[in-house]
């Protein structure tokens, strides 16, 4: 269980390390929320809501990672085909200039 800790100003906060495989998705190695209090009792009361918020962020990142990893070869071919057809329609991108 994550426990509230004090920062250097005496304000309690909650923090949790981000698993290595999710760092790229979340853009940080640690999730940290202030509990906006210097009172330990209040901090303990506020902590569960922030812990749930952190867990939700991590679950959403897991889902996003799973969605990124489910791209199949057929998906890649389809995306490449659409990109190629759009690129072929733009003469300046493929080095062709219309003759006058």
N, C-alpha and C. Protein backbone atom coordinates (compact mmCIF):
# COMPACT_ATOMS: atom_id res chain seq x y z
N UNK A 1 0.84 -1.18 0.00
CA UNK A 1 0.00 0.00 0.00
C UNK A 1 0.88 1.24 0.00
N UNK A 2 0.54 2.19 -0.82
CA UNK A 2 1.28 3.44 -0.89
C UNK A 2 0.94 4.28 0.34
N UNK A 3 1.96 4.82 0.97
CA UNK A 3 1.76 5.65 2.15
C UNK A 3 2.07 7.11 1.81
N UNK A 4 1.31 8.04 2.38
CA UNK A 4 1.64 9.46 2.18
C UNK A 4 2.99 9.79 2.81
N UNK A 5 3.75 10.62 2.13
CA UNK A 5 5.03 11.09 2.66
C UNK A 5 5.07 12.60 2.56
N UNK A 6 5.91 13.21 3.38
CA UNK A 6 6.04 14.67 3.38
C UNK A 6 7.09 15.10 2.37
N UNK A 7 6.82 16.26 1.73
CA UNK A 7 7.86 16.85 0.91
C UNK A 7 8.69 17.78 1.79
N UNK A 8 9.61 18.51 1.21
CA UNK A 8 10.50 19.34 2.03
C UNK A 8 9.80 20.50 2.72
N UNK A 9 8.57 20.81 2.28
CA UNK A 9 7.80 21.89 2.91
C UNK A 9 6.82 21.37 3.95
N UNK A 10 6.79 20.06 4.15
CA UNK A 10 5.91 19.46 5.15
C UNK A 10 4.53 19.11 4.63
N UNK A 11 4.33 19.25 3.31
CA UNK A 11 3.04 18.91 2.69
C UNK A 11 3.09 17.44 2.26
N UNK A 12 2.04 16.72 2.56
CA UNK A 12 1.99 15.30 2.21
C UNK A 12 1.68 15.10 0.73
N UNK A 13 2.26 14.05 0.19
CA UNK A 13 1.99 13.67 -1.20
C UNK A 13 2.02 12.15 -1.31
N UNK A 14 1.53 11.69 -2.45
CA UNK A 14 1.52 10.27 -2.80
C UNK A 14 2.34 10.13 -4.08
N UNK A 15 3.15 9.11 -4.15
CA UNK A 15 3.88 8.87 -5.40
C UNK A 15 4.06 7.38 -5.63
N UNK A 16 4.15 7.06 -6.91
CA UNK A 16 4.34 5.65 -7.29
C UNK A 16 5.19 5.61 -8.55
N UNK A 17 6.11 4.67 -8.59
CA UNK A 17 6.97 4.49 -9.77
C UNK A 17 6.15 3.94 -10.93
N UNK A 18 6.46 4.42 -12.12
CA UNK A 18 5.81 3.92 -13.34
C UNK A 18 6.62 2.73 -13.83
N UNK A 19 5.96 1.60 -14.12
CA UNK A 19 6.70 0.45 -14.67
C UNK A 19 7.46 0.85 -15.94
N UNK A 20 8.64 0.29 -16.12
CA UNK A 20 9.51 0.67 -17.25
C UNK A 20 8.81 0.60 -18.60
N UNK A 21 7.97 -0.41 -18.80
CA UNK A 21 7.33 -0.57 -20.11
C UNK A 21 6.25 0.50 -20.37
N UNK A 22 5.89 1.27 -19.35
CA UNK A 22 4.87 2.32 -19.52
C UNK A 22 5.45 3.73 -19.51
N UNK A 23 6.74 3.85 -19.25
CA UNK A 23 7.36 5.17 -19.17
C UNK A 23 7.19 5.95 -20.47
N UNK A 24 7.37 5.30 -21.61
CA UNK A 24 7.25 5.99 -22.89
C UNK A 24 5.83 6.51 -23.13
N UNK A 25 4.86 5.78 -22.67
CA UNK A 25 3.46 6.19 -22.87
C UNK A 25 3.09 7.34 -21.95
N UNK A 26 3.47 7.26 -20.70
CA UNK A 26 3.11 8.31 -19.74
C UNK A 26 4.08 9.48 -19.75
N UNK A 27 5.28 9.26 -20.27
CA UNK A 27 6.25 10.35 -20.35
C UNK A 27 6.88 10.71 -19.02
N UNK A 28 6.80 9.83 -18.06
CA UNK A 28 7.42 10.07 -16.76
C UNK A 28 7.73 8.75 -16.07
N UNK A 29 8.68 8.80 -15.15
CA UNK A 29 9.08 7.58 -14.44
C UNK A 29 8.36 7.44 -13.11
N UNK A 30 7.65 8.50 -12.72
CA UNK A 30 6.97 8.48 -11.43
C UNK A 30 5.69 9.32 -11.53
N UNK A 31 4.64 8.84 -10.89
CA UNK A 31 3.40 9.61 -10.80
C UNK A 31 3.31 10.14 -9.38
N UNK A 32 3.07 11.43 -9.28
CA UNK A 32 3.09 12.06 -7.96
C UNK A 32 1.93 13.04 -7.85
N UNK A 33 1.20 12.96 -6.73
CA UNK A 33 0.09 13.88 -6.46
C UNK A 33 0.23 14.46 -5.07
N UNK A 34 -0.02 15.74 -4.94
CA UNK A 34 -0.04 16.36 -3.63
C UNK A 34 -1.38 16.05 -2.95
N UNK A 35 -1.34 15.96 -1.65
CA UNK A 35 -2.56 15.77 -0.87
C UNK A 35 -3.02 17.09 -0.25
N UNK A 36 -2.28 18.15 -0.54
CA UNK A 36 -2.64 19.52 -0.12
C UNK A 36 -2.92 19.65 1.36
N UNK A 37 -2.13 18.99 2.18
CA UNK A 37 -2.31 19.11 3.62
C UNK A 37 -1.00 18.81 4.33
N UNK A 38 -0.85 19.42 5.50
CA UNK A 38 0.29 19.13 6.36
C UNK A 38 -0.12 18.25 7.54
N UNK A 39 -1.41 17.92 7.59
CA UNK A 39 -1.95 17.10 8.67
C UNK A 39 -1.96 15.62 8.26
N UNK A 40 -1.34 14.77 9.05
CA UNK A 40 -1.22 13.36 8.71
C UNK A 40 -2.59 12.67 8.63
N UNK A 41 -3.50 13.04 9.50
CA UNK A 41 -4.83 12.42 9.49
C UNK A 41 -5.57 12.76 8.18
N UNK A 42 -5.52 14.02 7.80
CA UNK A 42 -6.16 14.42 6.53
C UNK A 42 -5.49 13.72 5.35
N UNK A 43 -4.16 13.63 5.40
CA UNK A 43 -3.42 12.97 4.33
C UNK A 43 -3.87 11.53 4.16
N UNK A 44 -4.04 10.82 5.27
CA UNK A 44 -4.49 9.42 5.21
C UNK A 44 -5.91 9.30 4.68
N UNK A 45 -6.72 10.30 4.94
CA UNK A 45 -8.09 10.28 4.42
C UNK A 45 -8.13 10.56 2.92
N UNK A 46 -7.26 11.44 2.46
CA UNK A 46 -7.25 11.83 1.04
C UNK A 46 -6.49 10.85 0.16
N UNK A 47 -5.57 10.12 0.73
CA UNK A 47 -4.70 9.24 -0.05
C UNK A 47 -5.42 8.20 -0.91
N UNK A 48 -6.44 7.50 -0.40
CA UNK A 48 -7.07 6.45 -1.22
C UNK A 48 -7.60 6.95 -2.56
N UNK A 49 -8.17 8.13 -2.60
CA UNK A 49 -8.70 8.67 -3.86
C UNK A 49 -7.56 8.90 -4.86
N UNK A 50 -6.43 9.39 -4.39
CA UNK A 50 -5.29 9.63 -5.27
C UNK A 50 -4.66 8.32 -5.72
N UNK A 51 -4.65 7.32 -4.83
CA UNK A 51 -4.11 6.01 -5.20
C UNK A 51 -4.96 5.39 -6.31
N UNK A 52 -6.26 5.53 -6.20
CA UNK A 52 -7.16 5.03 -7.25
C UNK A 52 -6.88 5.75 -8.56
N UNK A 53 -6.66 7.05 -8.48
CA UNK A 53 -6.36 7.83 -9.68
C UNK A 53 -5.06 7.36 -10.34
N UNK A 54 -4.05 7.09 -9.53
CA UNK A 54 -2.78 6.59 -10.06
C UNK A 54 -2.98 5.23 -10.73
N UNK A 55 -3.71 4.33 -10.05
CA UNK A 55 -3.97 3.00 -10.62
C UNK A 55 -4.73 3.09 -11.93
N UNK A 56 -5.67 4.01 -12.01
CA UNK A 56 -6.43 4.21 -13.25
C UNK A 56 -5.51 4.69 -14.37
N UNK A 57 -4.62 5.62 -14.06
CA UNK A 57 -3.67 6.10 -15.07
C UNK A 57 -2.81 4.96 -15.59
N UNK A 58 -2.36 4.09 -14.69
CA UNK A 58 -1.52 2.97 -15.11
C UNK A 58 -2.31 1.96 -15.94
N UNK A 59 -3.56 1.70 -15.55
CA UNK A 59 -4.39 0.77 -16.34
C UNK A 59 -4.67 1.32 -17.74
N UNK A 60 -4.94 2.61 -17.84
CA UNK A 60 -5.18 3.21 -19.16
C UNK A 60 -3.92 3.15 -20.02
N UNK A 61 -2.77 3.35 -19.41
CA UNK A 61 -1.51 3.25 -20.15
C UNK A 61 -1.28 1.82 -20.63
N UNK A 62 -1.63 0.85 -19.80
CA UNK A 62 -1.52 -0.57 -20.20
C UNK A 62 -2.41 -0.85 -21.40
N UNK A 63 -3.64 -0.33 -21.36
CA UNK A 63 -4.56 -0.54 -22.49
C UNK A 63 -4.03 0.12 -23.75
N UNK A 64 -3.47 1.31 -23.62
CA UNK A 64 -2.92 2.00 -24.78
C UNK A 64 -1.75 1.22 -25.36
N UNK A 65 -0.91 0.69 -24.50
CA UNK A 65 0.22 -0.12 -24.96
C UNK A 65 -0.26 -1.37 -25.68
N UNK A 66 -1.27 -2.02 -25.13
CA UNK A 66 -1.82 -3.23 -25.75
C UNK A 66 -2.41 -2.90 -27.11
N UNK A 67 -3.09 -1.78 -27.22
CA UNK A 67 -3.68 -1.38 -28.50
C UNK A 67 -2.60 -1.12 -29.54
N UNK A 68 -1.49 -0.52 -29.12
CA UNK A 68 -0.39 -0.25 -30.04
C UNK A 68 0.27 -1.54 -30.51
N UNK A 69 0.26 -2.55 -29.67
CA UNK A 69 0.93 -3.80 -30.00
C UNK A 69 0.05 -4.74 -30.82
N UNK A 70 -1.20 -4.40 -31.03
CA UNK A 70 -2.08 -5.31 -31.76
C UNK A 70 -2.14 -4.99 -33.25
N UNK A 71 -1.26 -4.15 -33.73
CA UNK A 71 -1.19 -3.83 -35.15
C UNK A 71 -0.67 -5.05 -35.91
N UNK A 72 -1.46 -5.54 -36.85
CA UNK A 72 -1.07 -6.73 -37.60
C UNK A 72 -0.36 -6.35 -38.89
N UNK A 73 0.23 -7.33 -39.55
CA UNK A 73 0.88 -7.09 -40.83
C UNK A 73 -0.12 -6.57 -41.85
N UNK A 74 -1.34 -7.10 -41.81
CA UNK A 74 -2.38 -6.63 -42.73
C UNK A 74 -2.71 -5.16 -42.49
N UNK A 75 -2.74 -4.77 -41.22
CA UNK A 75 -2.98 -3.36 -40.88
C UNK A 75 -1.87 -2.48 -41.44
N UNK A 76 -0.64 -2.93 -41.29
CA UNK A 76 0.51 -2.17 -41.77
C UNK A 76 0.47 -2.03 -43.28
N UNK A 77 0.13 -3.11 -43.99
CA UNK A 77 0.04 -3.06 -45.45
C UNK A 77 -1.06 -2.10 -45.89
N UNK A 78 -2.18 -2.13 -45.21
CA UNK A 78 -3.28 -1.23 -45.54
C UNK A 78 -2.88 0.23 -45.33
N UNK A 79 -2.25 0.52 -44.21
CA UNK A 79 -1.81 1.88 -43.91
C UNK A 79 -0.79 2.34 -44.95
N UNK A 80 0.16 1.47 -45.28
CA UNK A 80 1.18 1.82 -46.26
C UNK A 80 0.56 2.05 -47.64
N UNK A 81 -0.43 1.25 -47.99
CA UNK A 81 -1.09 1.42 -49.28
C UNK A 81 -1.84 2.74 -49.37
N UNK A 82 -2.53 3.10 -48.33
CA UNK A 82 -3.25 4.39 -48.31
C UNK A 82 -2.26 5.53 -48.39
N UNK A 83 -1.17 5.44 -47.62
CA UNK A 83 -0.16 6.50 -47.65
C UNK A 83 0.44 6.62 -49.04
N UNK A 84 0.79 5.48 -49.65
CA UNK A 84 1.40 5.49 -50.98
C UNK A 84 0.46 6.10 -52.02
N UNK A 85 -0.81 5.74 -51.97
CA UNK A 85 -1.74 6.28 -52.96
C UNK A 85 -1.92 7.79 -52.80
N UNK A 86 -1.93 8.27 -51.58
CA UNK A 86 -2.04 9.71 -51.36
C UNK A 86 -0.77 10.42 -51.80
N UNK A 87 0.38 9.80 -51.54
CA UNK A 87 1.65 10.40 -51.93
C UNK A 87 1.78 10.46 -53.45
N UNK A 88 1.32 9.42 -54.13
CA UNK A 88 1.40 9.39 -55.60
C UNK A 88 0.55 10.49 -56.24
N UNK A 89 -0.43 10.97 -55.54
CA UNK A 89 -1.29 12.03 -56.08
C UNK A 89 -0.65 13.41 -55.93
N UNK A 90 0.43 13.50 -55.19
CA UNK A 90 1.09 14.78 -54.96
C UNK A 90 2.41 14.80 -55.72
N UNK A 91 2.41 15.39 -56.89
CA UNK A 91 3.57 15.39 -57.77
C UNK A 91 4.83 15.95 -57.11
N UNK A 92 4.68 16.99 -56.32
CA UNK A 92 5.86 17.60 -55.71
C UNK A 92 6.55 16.67 -54.71
N UNK A 93 5.83 15.71 -54.16
CA UNK A 93 6.44 14.78 -53.21
C UNK A 93 7.21 13.66 -53.89
N UNK A 94 6.87 13.35 -55.13
CA UNK A 94 7.57 12.25 -55.81
C UNK A 94 8.54 12.76 -56.88
N UNK A 95 8.74 14.07 -56.92
CA UNK A 95 9.76 14.63 -57.81
C UNK A 95 9.31 14.87 -59.23
N UNK A 96 8.06 14.77 -59.52
CA UNK A 96 7.56 15.05 -60.86
C UNK A 96 7.08 16.49 -60.95
N UNK A 97 7.37 17.10 -62.04
CA UNK A 97 6.85 18.44 -62.27
C UNK A 97 6.02 18.41 -63.52
N UNK A 98 4.87 19.04 -63.50
CA UNK A 98 4.03 19.04 -64.70
C UNK A 98 4.74 19.78 -65.83
N UNK A 99 4.67 19.21 -67.03
CA UNK A 99 5.29 19.85 -68.18
C UNK A 99 4.33 20.86 -68.79
N UNK A 100 4.90 21.94 -69.26
CA UNK A 100 4.09 22.99 -69.88
C UNK A 100 4.22 22.99 -71.36
